Amino acid sequence: MLGTALMISLGLIVAAMAMNIVRLAKGPDVPDRLLALDTLYVNSIALIVLLGLWLNTKTYFEAAILIAMLGFVGTMAICRYLLRGDIIE
């Protein structure tokens, strides 16, 4: 039962990532593309956690935490650049 739920979840996450990539390519302006990129890294975290559950290893969870930290910092830096024109004041 758990294997079936993991396979369905993996398929849905991959479909969501494909839709995010389409929005990233077709976004009408920069904030929409930034939101698509932010959602893409959140979906990648979910994909890595599901793979960690499926393969029963702890390494994937550490990678997911690392991606979450880097994604947050990267999103904040890009948002600050878009709003103010510089990252460090």
Protein backbone atom coordinates (compact mmCIF):
# COMPACT_ATOMS: atom_id res chain seq x y z
CA MET A 1 0.00 0.00 0.00
CA LEU A 2 2.80 2.42 0.87
CA GLY A 3 4.61 1.60 -2.39
CA THR A 4 1.52 2.45 -4.41
CA ALA A 5 1.03 5.74 -2.58
CA LEU A 6 4.69 6.63 -3.13
CA MET A 7 4.46 5.89 -6.86
CA ILE A 8 1.31 7.99 -7.23
CA SER A 9 2.91 10.83 -5.25
CA LEU A 10 6.08 10.68 -7.35
CA GLY A 11 4.04 10.87 -10.53
CA LEU A 12 2.04 13.85 -9.31
CA ILE A 13 5.16 15.70 -8.15
CA VAL A 14 6.84 15.12 -11.53
CA ALA A 15 3.72 16.43 -13.28
CA ALA A 16 3.75 19.52 -11.06
CA MET A 17 7.42 20.08 -11.85
CA ALA A 18 6.70 19.83 -15.58
CA MET A 19 3.98 22.48 -15.24
CA ASN A 20 6.39 24.67 -13.28
CA ILE A 21 8.98 24.40 -16.04
CA VAL A 22 6.36 25.45 -18.60
CA ARG A 23 5.44 28.48 -16.46
CA LEU A 24 9.12 29.28 -15.99
CA ALA A 25 9.62 29.34 -19.76
CA LYS A 26 6.39 31.15 -20.67
CA GLY A 27 6.01 33.49 -17.71
CA PRO A 28 4.72 36.90 -18.78
CA ASP A 29 7.11 38.83 -16.53
CA VAL A 30 9.94 38.33 -14.04
CA PRO A 31 7.90 37.97 -10.80
CA ASP A 32 5.87 35.15 -12.36
CA ARG A 33 9.04 33.38 -13.39
CA LEU A 34 10.48 33.87 -9.91
CA LEU A 35 7.37 32.34 -8.35
CA ALA A 36 7.60 29.39 -10.75
CA LEU A 37 11.25 28.89 -9.81
CA ASP A 38 10.39 29.05 -6.11
CA THR A 39 7.63 26.49 -6.55
CA LEU A 40 9.98 24.32 -8.60
CA TYR A 41 12.50 24.06 -5.80
CA VAL A 42 9.75 23.28 -3.28
CA ASN A 43 8.57 20.48 -5.57
CA SER A 44 12.14 19.23 -5.91
CA ILE A 45 12.38 19.05 -2.12
CA ALA A 46 9.19 16.97 -2.06
CA LEU A 47 10.56 14.72 -4.80
CA ILE A 48 13.80 14.14 -2.92
CA VAL A 49 11.96 13.35 0.32
CA LEU A 50 9.73 10.85 -1.48
CA LEU A 51 12.76 9.21 -3.06
CA GLY A 52 14.33 8.99 0.39
CA LEU A 53 11.24 7.24 1.69
CA TRP A 54 11.15 4.88 -1.29
CA LEU A 55 14.84 3.94 -1.09
CA ASN A 56 14.87 3.98 2.74
CA THR A 57 17.99 6.11 3.15
CA LYS A 58 18.77 9.20 5.20
CA THR A 59 21.07 10.86 2.67
CA TYR A 60 18.17 12.21 0.63
CA PHE A 61 16.68 13.97 3.65
CA GLU A 62 19.93 15.84 4.24
CA ALA A 63 20.00 16.87 0.59
CA ALA A 64 16.41 18.13 0.89
CA ILE A 65 17.33 20.29 3.90
CA LEU A 66 20.31 21.71 2.01
CA ILE A 67 18.16 22.57 -1.02
CA ALA A 68 15.57 24.19 1.25
CA MET A 69 18.16 26.45 2.86
CA LEU A 70 19.81 27.42 -0.41
CA GLY A 71 16.47 27.96 -2.13
CA PHE A 72 15.25 30.28 0.61
CA VAL A 73 18.41 32.37 0.57
CA GLY A 74 18.42 32.48 -3.23
CA THR A 75 14.79 33.58 -3.40
CA MET A 76 15.37 36.32 -0.85
CA ALA A 77 18.43 37.58 -2.74
CA ILE A 78 16.60 37.68 -6.07
CA CYS A 79 13.57 39.40 -4.53
CA ARG A 80 15.75 42.03 -2.90
CA TYR A 81 17.54 42.59 -6.21
CA LEU A 82 14.26 42.99 -8.07
CA LEU A 83 12.84 45.41 -5.49
CA ARG A 84 15.88 47.57 -4.71
CA GLY A 85 18.39 46.99 -7.48
CA ASP A 86 21.11 45.72 -5.14
CA ILE A 87 21.49 42.81 -2.78
CA ILE A 88 23.78 44.22 -0.10
CA GLU A 89 23.10 47.71 1.17
